[in-house]
Amino acid sequence: RFLTVAAVALLFASTGCVEVTFPEPMPAGKKDLTEFPSAWQGTWTSHVNGAEAAGEDEIMVILTDRIKGDPRSDDLVLGQNCTLRKLGRRLVLSLPQEEGDRYTALVAERHGETLTVKKFDPEVQGAIDGWEELLGHDRVVKIHKKDNPTKKLKEVQLNPKNRCQFRKLVKHGTTELVTYTKVPEGAAP
């Protein structure tokens, strides 16, 4: 079974979870990568038992220019249906929303043979308040169903004014989604 980040994003959208979006692929002003770094390429397995309970599959395959997914869904192809940018040692995968001109972002950190994927999760206690503290209240927009503040929150728009603010968001405002271990070449996952 395979994980595609698009499937994760669709899962969040379809389950009624609150989406966190950005005005453009993140980090702003950085060059789009056309390939995953070679150290990131390969087959990765989740080493969290019961990962499916969190909506994650157990295997992810990263190729030169794409994340290979479940045959029932499209691959994520860099420059076509997603954007990949570097932020220090991290990679940020931005996915355009189906409606509107905004993007969701997932942040990945690789340490040797371990890959951790993080997300911006507004359901974590104090997350939105922390984002407002980091960015300023005017740079965090809460969108409610039917544009009625008494209705359920459906989207949080984060609008960092520069890479420094985005870097702080990543450092202090993300939650671990899943951690993977690289499968050695030739070994079965």
C-alpha atoms as a PDB file:
ATOM      1  CA  ARG A   1       0.000   0.000   0.000  1.00  0.00           C
ATOM      2  CA  PHE A   2       1.217   3.448  -0.802  1.00  0.00           C
ATOM      3  CA  LEU A   3       0.890   6.892   0.727  1.00  0.00           C
ATOM      4  CA  THR A   4       0.432   9.923  -1.431  1.00  0.00           C
ATOM      5  CA  VAL A   5       0.512  13.300   0.161  1.00  0.00           C
ATOM      6  CA  ALA A   6      -2.397  14.286  -2.114  1.00  0.00           C
ATOM      7  CA  ALA A   7      -4.431  11.471  -0.604  1.00  0.00           C
ATOM      8  CA  VAL A   8      -3.633  12.834   2.850  1.00  0.00           C
ATOM      9  CA  ALA A   9      -4.700  16.331   1.780  1.00  0.00           C
ATOM     10  CA  LEU A  10      -7.898  14.958   0.255  1.00  0.00           C
ATOM     11  CA  LEU A  11      -8.542  12.951   3.402  1.00  0.00           C
ATOM     12  CA  PHE A  12      -8.341  16.110   5.504  1.00  0.00           C
ATOM     13  CA  ALA A  13     -10.652  17.958   3.116  1.00  0.00           C
ATOM     14  CA  SER A  14     -13.198  15.156   2.906  1.00  0.00           C
ATOM     15  CA  THR A  15     -13.363  14.411   6.623  1.00  0.00           C
ATOM     16  CA  GLY A  16     -14.350  17.928   7.512  1.00  0.00           C
ATOM     17  CA  CYS A  17     -11.015  18.787   9.072  1.00  0.00           C
ATOM     18  CA  VAL A  18     -10.013  22.407   9.073  1.00  0.00           C
ATOM     19  CA  GLU A  19      -7.660  23.219   6.199  1.00  0.00           C
ATOM     20  CA  VAL A  20      -4.624  25.440   6.684  1.00  0.00           C
ATOM     21  CA  THR A  21      -3.646  27.354   3.547  1.00  0.00           C
ATOM     22  CA  PHE A  22      -1.021  29.761   2.262  1.00  0.00           C
ATOM     23  CA  PRO A  23      -1.196  32.435  -0.470  1.00  0.00           C
ATOM     24  CA  GLU A  24       1.469  30.735  -2.621  1.00  0.00           C
ATOM     25  CA  PRO A  25       3.757  27.690  -2.539  1.00  0.00           C
ATOM     26  CA  MET A  26       5.957  27.900   0.517  1.00  0.00           C
ATOM     27  CA  PRO A  27       8.493  29.152   1.351  1.00  0.00           C
ATOM     28  CA  ALA A  28       7.717  32.283  -0.649  1.00  0.00           C
ATOM     29  CA  GLY A  29      10.368  33.474  -3.064  1.00  0.00           C
ATOM     30  CA  LYS A  30      12.328  30.206  -3.102  1.00  0.00           C
ATOM     31  CA  LYS A  31      13.115  28.336  -6.299  1.00  0.00           C
ATOM     32  CA  ASP A  32      10.889  25.395  -7.288  1.00  0.00           C
ATOM     33  CA  LEU A  33      12.776  22.108  -7.263  1.00  0.00           C
ATOM     34  CA  THR A  34      12.315  19.842 -10.286  1.00  0.00           C
ATOM     35  CA  GLU A  35      13.687  16.759  -8.539  1.00  0.00           C
ATOM     36  CA  PHE A  36      13.774  15.266  -5.089  1.00  0.00           C
ATOM     37  CA  PRO A  37      17.347  15.151  -3.741  1.00  0.00           C
ATOM     38  CA  SER A  38      18.824  11.694  -4.346  1.00  0.00           C
ATOM     39  CA  ALA A  39      19.063  10.937  -0.601  1.00  0.00           C
ATOM     40  CA  TRP A  40      15.281  11.394  -0.367  1.00  0.00           C
ATOM     41  CA  GLN A  41      14.515   9.016  -3.236  1.00  0.00           C
ATOM     42  CA  GLY A  42      13.498   5.444  -2.505  1.00  0.00           C
ATOM     43  CA  THR A  43      10.907   3.447  -0.625  1.00  0.00           C
ATOM     44  CA  TRP A  44       9.972   4.543   2.874  1.00  0.00           C
ATOM     45  CA  THR A  45       7.900   2.623   5.431  1.00  0.00           C
ATOM     46  CA  SER A  46       6.025   4.051   8.352  1.00  0.00           C
ATOM     47  CA  HIS A  47       7.302   2.733  11.645  1.00  0.00           C
ATOM     48  CA  VAL A  48       4.204   3.697  13.582  1.00  0.00           C
ATOM     49  CA  ASN A  49       2.040   0.681  14.292  1.00  0.00           C
ATOM     50  CA  GLY A  50      -1.590   1.360  13.550  1.00  0.00           C
ATOM     51  CA  ALA A  51      -0.702   4.147  11.124  1.00  0.00           C
ATOM     52  CA  GLU A  52      -3.859   3.420   9.137  1.00  0.00           C
ATOM     53  CA  ALA A  53      -5.918   4.557  12.115  1.00  0.00           C
ATOM     54  CA  ALA A  54      -4.431   8.022  11.574  1.00  0.00           C
ATOM     55  CA  GLY A  55      -5.347   7.946   7.886  1.00  0.00           C
ATOM     56  CA  GLU A  56      -1.854   6.990   6.732  1.00  0.00           C
ATOM     57  CA  ASP A  57      -0.725   4.018   4.703  1.00  0.00           C
ATOM     58  CA  GLU A  58       2.446   2.139   5.474  1.00  0.00           C
ATOM     59  CA  ILE A  59       4.615   2.750   2.368  1.00  0.00           C
ATOM     60  CA  MET A  60       5.686   5.853   0.424  1.00  0.00           C
ATOM     61  CA  VAL A  61       7.796   5.767  -2.753  1.00  0.00           C
ATOM     62  CA  ILE A  62       9.722   8.882  -3.777  1.00  0.00           C
ATOM     63  CA  LEU A  63      11.091   8.912  -7.326  1.00  0.00           C
ATOM     64  CA  THR A  64      13.188  11.573  -9.063  1.00  0.00           C
ATOM     65  CA  ASP A  65      10.287  13.897  -9.910  1.00  0.00           C
ATOM     66  CA  ARG A  66       7.285  12.386  -8.163  1.00  0.00           C
ATOM     67  CA  ILE A  67       5.773  10.626  -5.213  1.00  0.00           C
ATOM     68  CA  LYS A  68       4.426   7.357  -6.540  1.00  0.00           C
ATOM     69  CA  GLY A  69       1.078   6.587  -5.119  1.00  0.00           C
ATOM     70  CA  ASP A  70      -1.715   4.140  -4.919  1.00  0.00           C
ATOM     71  CA  PRO A  71      -2.695   3.033  -8.436  1.00  0.00           C
ATOM     72  CA  ARG A  72      -6.191   4.417  -7.723  1.00  0.00           C
ATOM     73  CA  SER A  73      -4.845   7.974  -7.420  1.00  0.00           C
ATOM     74  CA  ASP A  74      -2.574  10.201  -9.468  1.00  0.00           C
ATOM     75  CA  ASP A  75       1.101  10.511  -8.675  1.00  0.00           C
ATOM     76  CA  LEU A  76       2.251  13.815  -7.263  1.00  0.00           C
ATOM     77  CA  VAL A  77       4.437  15.168 -10.052  1.00  0.00           C
ATOM     78  CA  LEU A  78       6.700  18.123  -9.291  1.00  0.00           C
ATOM     79  CA  GLY A  79       5.761  21.159 -11.367  1.00  0.00           C
ATOM     80  CA  GLN A  80       2.433  19.631 -12.428  1.00  0.00           C
ATOM     81  CA  ASN A  81       0.181  19.045  -9.429  1.00  0.00           C
ATOM     82  CA  CYS A  82       2.522  20.076  -6.613  1.00  0.00           C
ATOM     83  CA  THR A  83       5.479  22.338  -5.877  1.00  0.00           C
ATOM     84  CA  LEU A  84       8.604  21.365  -3.936  1.00  0.00           C
ATOM     85  CA  ARG A  85      10.875  23.937  -2.307  1.00  0.00           C
ATOM     86  CA  LYS A  86      13.764  23.805   0.143  1.00  0.00           C
ATOM     87  CA  LEU A  87      13.798  25.409   3.564  1.00  0.00           C
ATOM     88  CA  GLY A  88      17.236  24.711   5.019  1.00  0.00           C
ATOM     89  CA  ARG A  89      17.443  20.931   5.449  1.00  0.00           C
ATOM     90  CA  ARG A  90      13.689  20.566   5.095  1.00  0.00           C
ATOM     91  CA  LEU A  91      11.548  20.158   1.997  1.00  0.00           C
ATOM     92  CA  VAL A  92       8.132  21.796   1.702  1.00  0.00           C
ATOM     93  CA  LEU A  93       5.536  20.230  -0.578  1.00  0.00           C
ATOM     94  CA  SER A  94       2.765  22.656  -1.566  1.00  0.00           C
ATOM     95  CA  LEU A  95      -0.476  21.455  -3.113  1.00  0.00           C
ATOM     96  CA  PRO A  96      -2.898  23.837  -4.832  1.00  0.00           C
ATOM     97  CA  GLN A  97      -6.427  23.857  -3.456  1.00  0.00           C
ATOM     98  CA  GLU A  98      -9.106  22.625  -5.817  1.00  0.00           C
ATOM     99  CA  GLU A  99     -10.975  25.902  -5.330  1.00  0.00           C
ATOM    100  CA  GLY A 100      -9.280  29.260  -4.965  1.00  0.00           C
ATOM    101  CA  ASP A 101      -5.700  30.388  -5.351  1.00  0.00           C
ATOM    102  CA  ARG A 102      -4.290  29.054  -2.099  1.00  0.00           C
ATOM    103  CA  TYR A 103      -2.025  26.141  -1.183  1.00  0.00           C
ATOM    104  CA  THR A 104      -1.753  23.562   1.563  1.00  0.00           C
ATOM    105  CA  ALA A 105       1.761  22.717   2.718  1.00  0.00           C
ATOM    106  CA  LEU A 106       3.450  19.701   4.260  1.00  0.00           C
ATOM    107  CA  VAL A 107       6.968  19.889   5.659  1.00  0.00           C
ATOM    108  CA  ALA A 108       9.385  16.958   5.549  1.00  0.00           C
ATOM    109  CA  GLU A 109      12.617  16.564   7.494  1.00  0.00           C
ATOM    110  CA  ARG A 110      15.134  13.823   6.749  1.00  0.00           C
ATOM    111  CA  HIS A 111      17.695  12.701   9.296  1.00  0.00           C
ATOM    112  CA  GLY A 112      19.706   9.846   7.823  1.00  0.00           C
ATOM    113  CA  GLU A 113      17.312   7.000   7.115  1.00  0.00           C
ATOM    114  CA  THR A 114      14.365   8.663   8.894  1.00  0.00           C
ATOM    115  CA  LEU A 115      11.833  10.963   7.231  1.00  0.00           C
ATOM    116  CA  THR A 116       9.312  12.915   9.285  1.00  0.00           C
ATOM    117  CA  VAL A 117       6.315  14.589   7.656  1.00  0.00           C
ATOM    118  CA  LYS A 118       4.734  17.493   9.538  1.00  0.00           C
ATOM    119  CA  LYS A 119       1.562  19.469   8.986  1.00  0.00           C
ATOM    120  CA  PHE A 120      -0.020  22.658  10.219  1.00  0.00           C
ATOM    121  CA  ASP A 121      -2.815  21.367  12.463  1.00  0.00           C
ATOM    122  CA  PRO A 122      -5.329  23.949  13.715  1.00  0.00           C
ATOM    123  CA  GLU A 123      -6.978  21.339  15.926  1.00  0.00           C
ATOM    124  CA  VAL A 124      -3.946  21.152  18.221  1.00  0.00           C
ATOM    125  CA  GLN A 125      -4.648  23.038  21.436  1.00  0.00           C
ATOM    126  CA  GLY A 126      -3.350  26.607  21.134  1.00  0.00           C
ATOM    127  CA  ALA A 127      -2.142  26.248  17.521  1.00  0.00           C
ATOM    128  CA  ILE A 128      -4.121  29.161  16.072  1.00  0.00           C
ATOM    129  CA  ASP A 129      -3.211  31.426  19.000  1.00  0.00           C
ATOM    130  CA  GLY A 130       0.447  30.478  18.510  1.00  0.00           C
ATOM    131  CA  TRP A 131       0.256  31.270  14.778  1.00  0.00           C
ATOM    132  CA  GLU A 132      -1.322  34.650  15.554  1.00  0.00           C
ATOM    133  CA  GLU A 133       1.472  35.354  18.028  1.00  0.00           C
ATOM    134  CA  LEU A 134       4.146  34.444  15.447  1.00  0.00           C
ATOM    135  CA  LEU A 135       2.574  36.186  12.440  1.00  0.00           C
ATOM    136  CA  GLY A 136       0.344  38.858  13.953  1.00  0.00           C
ATOM    137  CA  HIS A 137      -3.453  38.714  14.143  1.00  0.00           C
ATOM    138  CA  ASP A 138      -3.846  40.447  10.774  1.00  0.00           C
ATOM    139  CA  ARG A 139      -1.897  37.639   9.014  1.00  0.00           C
ATOM    140  CA  VAL A 140      -4.106  34.786  10.268  1.00  0.00           C
ATOM    141  CA  VAL A 141      -7.582  34.691   8.717  1.00  0.00           C
ATOM    142  CA  LYS A 142     -10.218  32.288  10.030  1.00  0.00           C
ATOM    143  CA  ILE A 143     -12.888  31.275   7.505  1.00  0.00           C
ATOM    144  CA  HIS A 144     -16.101  29.812   8.894  1.00  0.00           C
ATOM    145  CA  LYS A 145     -18.841  27.896   7.112  1.00  0.00           C
ATOM    146  CA  LYS A 146     -21.281  30.262   5.421  1.00  0.00           C
ATOM    147  CA  ASP A 147     -18.948  33.131   6.461  1.00  0.00           C
ATOM    148  CA  ASN A 148     -20.651  33.074   9.858  1.00  0.00           C
ATOM    149  CA  PRO A 149     -18.251  33.243  12.858  1.00  0.00           C
ATOM    150  CA  THR A 150     -20.735  31.239  14.943  1.00  0.00           C
ATOM    151  CA  LYS A 151     -20.485  28.325  12.471  1.00  0.00           C
ATOM    152  CA  LYS A 152     -17.755  25.669  12.342  1.00  0.00           C
ATOM    153  CA  LEU A 153     -14.251  26.765  11.302  1.00  0.00           C
ATOM    154  CA  LYS A 154     -13.434  25.404   7.822  1.00  0.00           C
ATOM    155  CA  GLU A 155     -10.130  27.090   6.894  1.00  0.00           C
ATOM    156  CA  VAL A 156      -7.278  28.997   8.475  1.00  0.00           C
ATOM    157  CA  GLN A 157      -5.338  31.188   6.064  1.00  0.00           C
ATOM    158  CA  LEU A 158      -1.761  31.821   7.151  1.00  0.00           C
ATOM    159  CA  ASN A 159      -0.045  34.729   5.413  1.00  0.00           C
ATOM    160  CA  PRO A 160       3.590  34.960   6.514  1.00  0.00           C
ATOM    161  CA  LYS A 161       5.178  38.206   5.346  1.00  0.00           C
ATOM    162  CA  ASN A 162       8.576  36.601   4.679  1.00  0.00           C
ATOM    163  CA  ARG A 163      10.608  33.383   4.868  1.00  0.00           C
ATOM    164  CA  CYS A 164      11.721  34.180   8.399  1.00  0.00           C
ATOM    165  CA  GLN A 165       8.110  34.107   9.599  1.00  0.00           C
ATOM    166  CA  PHE A 166       7.441  30.895   7.663  1.00  0.00           C
ATOM    167  CA  ARG A 167      10.549  29.300   9.196  1.00  0.00           C
ATOM    168  CA  LYS A 168       9.257  30.209  12.680  1.00  0.00           C
ATOM    169  CA  LEU A 169       5.865  28.685  11.784  1.00  0.00           C
ATOM    170  CA  VAL A 170       7.569  25.460  10.749  1.00  0.00           C
ATOM    171  CA  LYS A 171       9.696  25.374  13.895  1.00  0.00           C
ATOM    172  CA  HIS A 172       6.959  26.256  16.399  1.00  0.00           C
ATOM    173  CA  GLY A 173       3.658  25.618  14.624  1.00  0.00           C
ATOM    174  CA  THR A 174       3.736  22.180  13.011  1.00  0.00           C
ATOM    175  CA  THR A 175       2.658  18.787  14.260  1.00  0.00           C
ATOM    176  CA  GLU A 176       4.173  15.454  13.303  1.00  0.00           C
ATOM    177  CA  LEU A 177       1.914  13.608  10.882  1.00  0.00           C
ATOM    178  CA  VAL A 178       3.953  10.435  10.293  1.00  0.00           C
ATOM    179  CA  THR A 179       7.550   9.179  10.448  1.00  0.00           C
ATOM    180  CA  TYR A 180       9.104   6.849   7.883  1.00  0.00           C
ATOM    181  CA  THR A 181      12.229   4.704   7.727  1.00  0.00           C
ATOM    182  CA  LYS A 182      14.002   4.160   4.415  1.00  0.00           C
ATOM    183  CA  VAL A 183      13.891   0.637   3.041  1.00  0.00           C
ATOM    184  CA  PRO A 184      17.399  -0.473   1.958  1.00  0.00           C
ATOM    185  CA  GLU A 185      17.695  -1.028  -1.798  1.00  0.00           C
ATOM    186  CA  GLY A 186      16.860  -4.598  -2.744  1.00  0.00           C
ATOM    187  CA  ALA A 187      14.986  -5.260   0.511  1.00  0.00           C
ATOM    188  CA  ALA A 188      11.253  -5.910   0.471  1.00  0.00           C
ATOM    189  CA  PRO A 189       9.227  -3.290   2.379  1.00  0.00           C
END
